[in-house]
Amino acid sequence: MTTRILFVCLGNICRSPAAEGVMRQFAPKLELDSAGTSDWHVGEAPYGPMRAAAKARGFDLSPLRARQFQTNDFRDFDLIVAMDHSNQDRIEALRPAGNTTPVTLFAEYAEGWHASEVPDPYYTRDFDGVLDLIEDAARGLLARL
């Protein structure tokens, strides 16, 4: 069985598409997607500075488009990975009764980091630092699958 993983942030234009893009390259056989808890950017490409920073590292985010997290994502994915506590709480608030799909925090998979959340580079402007954390978290997640 193929593991199906969904990465979730707020707008689905920075952190979660970057996580999806990194994981697609690290583990092309996995079924991966990303979403946002808000509907602010539905249909949009990832944020330009994030696309550029990812491209400089060999990750192509250009085919990805933002979508909003839906309750059927609990059914359609084996693991839901949130970028921060706020989005994890928003996801959990939508959990259907009886559903047991794990919802974890992505930064917790990163070894040697003292972060429980992936900071939002839309606000911090630290796209490379976020990509460092995402790459380490992706390696850690893959080691646990």
Protein backbone atom coordinates (compact mmCIF):
# COMPACT_ATOMS: atom_id res chain seq x y z
CA MET A 1 0.00 0.00 0.00
CA THR A 2 1.25 3.49 -0.85
CA THR A 3 1.45 5.99 1.99
CA ARG A 4 -0.65 9.09 1.29
CA ILE A 5 0.56 12.27 3.05
CA LEU A 6 -1.02 15.72 3.10
CA PHE A 7 0.97 18.79 4.19
CA VAL A 8 -1.06 21.71 5.57
CA CYS A 9 -0.29 25.35 6.35
CA LEU A 10 -2.41 28.49 6.40
CA GLY A 11 -2.55 29.67 2.78
CA ASN A 12 -0.93 26.76 0.91
CA ILE A 13 1.48 29.07 -0.90
CA CYS A 14 4.74 28.74 1.10
CA ARG A 15 5.35 26.01 3.68
CA SER A 16 3.03 23.19 2.66
CA PRO A 17 3.77 23.33 -1.10
CA ALA A 18 7.49 23.50 -0.28
CA ALA A 19 7.11 20.40 1.92
CA GLU A 20 5.18 18.65 -0.86
CA GLY A 21 7.80 19.60 -3.46
CA VAL A 22 10.73 18.45 -1.31
CA MET A 23 9.02 15.17 -0.46
CA ARG A 24 8.09 14.56 -4.11
CA GLN A 25 11.75 14.68 -4.99
CA PHE A 26 12.92 12.66 -1.97
CA ALA A 27 10.21 9.97 -2.29
CA PRO A 28 8.57 10.01 -5.74
CA LYS A 29 6.54 6.85 -5.06
CA LEU A 30 4.55 8.39 -2.21
CA GLU A 31 1.16 9.98 -2.85
CA LEU A 32 1.54 13.58 -1.72
CA ASP A 33 -0.52 16.75 -1.68
CA SER A 34 -0.74 20.02 0.20
CA ALA A 35 -3.54 22.30 1.36
CA GLY A 36 -4.26 25.40 3.41
CA THR A 37 -6.70 25.86 6.24
CA SER A 38 -7.76 29.19 4.71
CA ASP A 39 -9.29 29.82 1.29
CA TRP A 40 -7.27 32.99 0.64
CA HIS A 41 -5.14 31.63 -2.21
CA VAL A 42 -7.18 28.79 -3.73
CA GLY A 43 -6.00 28.15 -7.29
CA GLU A 44 -2.84 30.24 -6.96
CA ALA A 45 0.72 29.05 -7.56
CA PRO A 46 3.12 28.97 -4.62
CA TYR A 47 4.43 32.38 -3.54
CA GLY A 48 7.12 33.67 -5.94
CA PRO A 49 9.96 34.04 -3.42
CA MET A 50 9.32 30.50 -2.12
CA ARG A 51 9.27 29.11 -5.67
CA ALA A 52 12.58 30.88 -6.38
CA ALA A 53 14.26 29.65 -3.18
CA ALA A 54 13.06 26.10 -3.82
CA LYS A 55 14.14 26.22 -7.47
CA ALA A 56 17.65 27.30 -6.41
CA ARG A 57 17.83 23.99 -4.50
CA GLY A 58 16.43 21.93 -7.37
CA PHE A 59 12.80 21.70 -6.21
CA ASP A 60 10.17 22.71 -8.78
CA LEU A 61 7.01 24.02 -7.12
CA SER A 62 5.59 25.65 -10.27
CA PRO A 63 3.02 22.92 -11.11
CA LEU A 64 1.42 23.13 -7.64
CA ARG A 65 -1.76 25.12 -6.95
CA ALA A 66 -3.26 26.08 -3.61
CA ARG A 67 -6.37 24.37 -2.32
CA GLN A 68 -8.27 24.47 0.94
CA PHE A 69 -8.23 21.62 3.45
CA GLN A 70 -11.47 19.59 3.37
CA THR A 71 -12.95 17.09 5.80
CA ASN A 72 -12.65 14.32 3.17
CA ASP A 73 -8.85 14.75 3.46
CA PHE A 74 -9.11 12.74 6.69
CA ARG A 75 -10.45 9.85 4.60
CA ASP A 76 -8.15 10.33 1.61
CA PHE A 77 -4.80 10.51 3.44
CA ASP A 78 -2.95 8.21 5.83
CA LEU A 79 -1.11 11.07 7.54
CA ILE A 80 -1.81 14.79 7.77
CA VAL A 81 1.19 16.96 8.60
CA ALA A 82 0.61 20.50 9.89
CA MET A 83 3.22 23.24 9.76
CA ASP A 84 2.26 24.82 13.09
CA HIS A 85 0.03 24.41 16.14
CA SER A 86 -2.60 26.87 14.92
CA ASN A 87 -3.18 24.94 11.71
CA GLN A 88 -3.07 21.64 13.57
CA ASP A 89 -5.87 22.96 15.80
CA ARG A 90 -7.89 24.10 12.76
CA ILE A 91 -7.49 20.66 11.17
CA GLU A 92 -8.51 18.86 14.38
CA ALA A 93 -11.63 21.06 14.64
CA LEU A 94 -12.78 19.56 11.32
CA ARG A 95 -12.09 15.92 12.24
CA PRO A 96 -15.12 13.71 11.55
CA ALA A 97 -16.39 11.65 14.46
CA GLY A 98 -14.63 8.32 14.69
CA ASN A 99 -11.78 9.26 12.33
CA THR A 100 -8.30 8.21 13.49
CA THR A 101 -6.03 9.70 10.79
CA PRO A 102 -2.91 11.01 12.57
CA VAL A 103 -2.30 14.77 12.47
CA THR A 104 1.31 15.59 13.35
CA LEU A 105 3.61 18.61 13.30
CA PHE A 106 6.21 18.59 10.52
CA ALA A 107 9.02 20.24 12.53
CA GLU A 108 8.90 17.39 15.04
CA TYR A 109 10.44 15.12 12.39
CA ALA A 110 13.53 17.36 12.05
CA GLU A 111 16.50 16.03 14.00
CA GLY A 112 18.69 18.53 15.81
CA TRP A 113 16.24 21.42 15.53
CA HIS A 114 14.63 23.00 18.57
CA ALA A 115 11.51 24.06 16.71
CA SER A 116 8.05 22.61 17.13
CA GLU A 117 6.72 24.66 14.20
CA VAL A 118 7.83 25.56 10.70
CA PRO A 119 7.91 29.39 10.70
CA ASP A 120 5.91 31.14 7.99
CA PRO A 121 8.40 32.71 5.55
CA TYR A 122 5.65 34.87 4.08
CA TYR A 123 6.09 36.91 7.27
CA THR A 124 9.67 36.10 8.36
CA ARG A 125 11.12 36.36 4.81
CA ASP A 126 13.56 33.53 5.70
CA PHE A 127 12.76 31.22 2.79
CA ASP A 128 16.13 29.46 2.89
CA GLY A 129 15.95 28.84 6.63
CA VAL A 130 12.48 27.37 6.23
CA LEU A 131 13.67 25.16 3.39
CA ASP A 132 16.57 23.92 5.58
CA LEU A 133 14.04 22.89 8.24
CA ILE A 134 11.68 21.36 5.66
CA GLU A 135 14.46 19.28 4.09
CA ASP A 136 15.55 17.96 7.50
CA ALA A 137 11.95 17.25 8.53
CA ALA A 138 11.33 15.44 5.23
CA ARG A 139 14.34 13.19 5.82
CA GLY A 140 13.14 12.50 9.36
CA LEU A 141 9.63 11.72 8.21
CA LEU A 142 10.89 9.33 5.55
CA ALA A 143 13.03 7.54 8.13
CA ARG A 144 9.87 6.89 10.20
CA LEU A 145 7.71 5.56 7.37
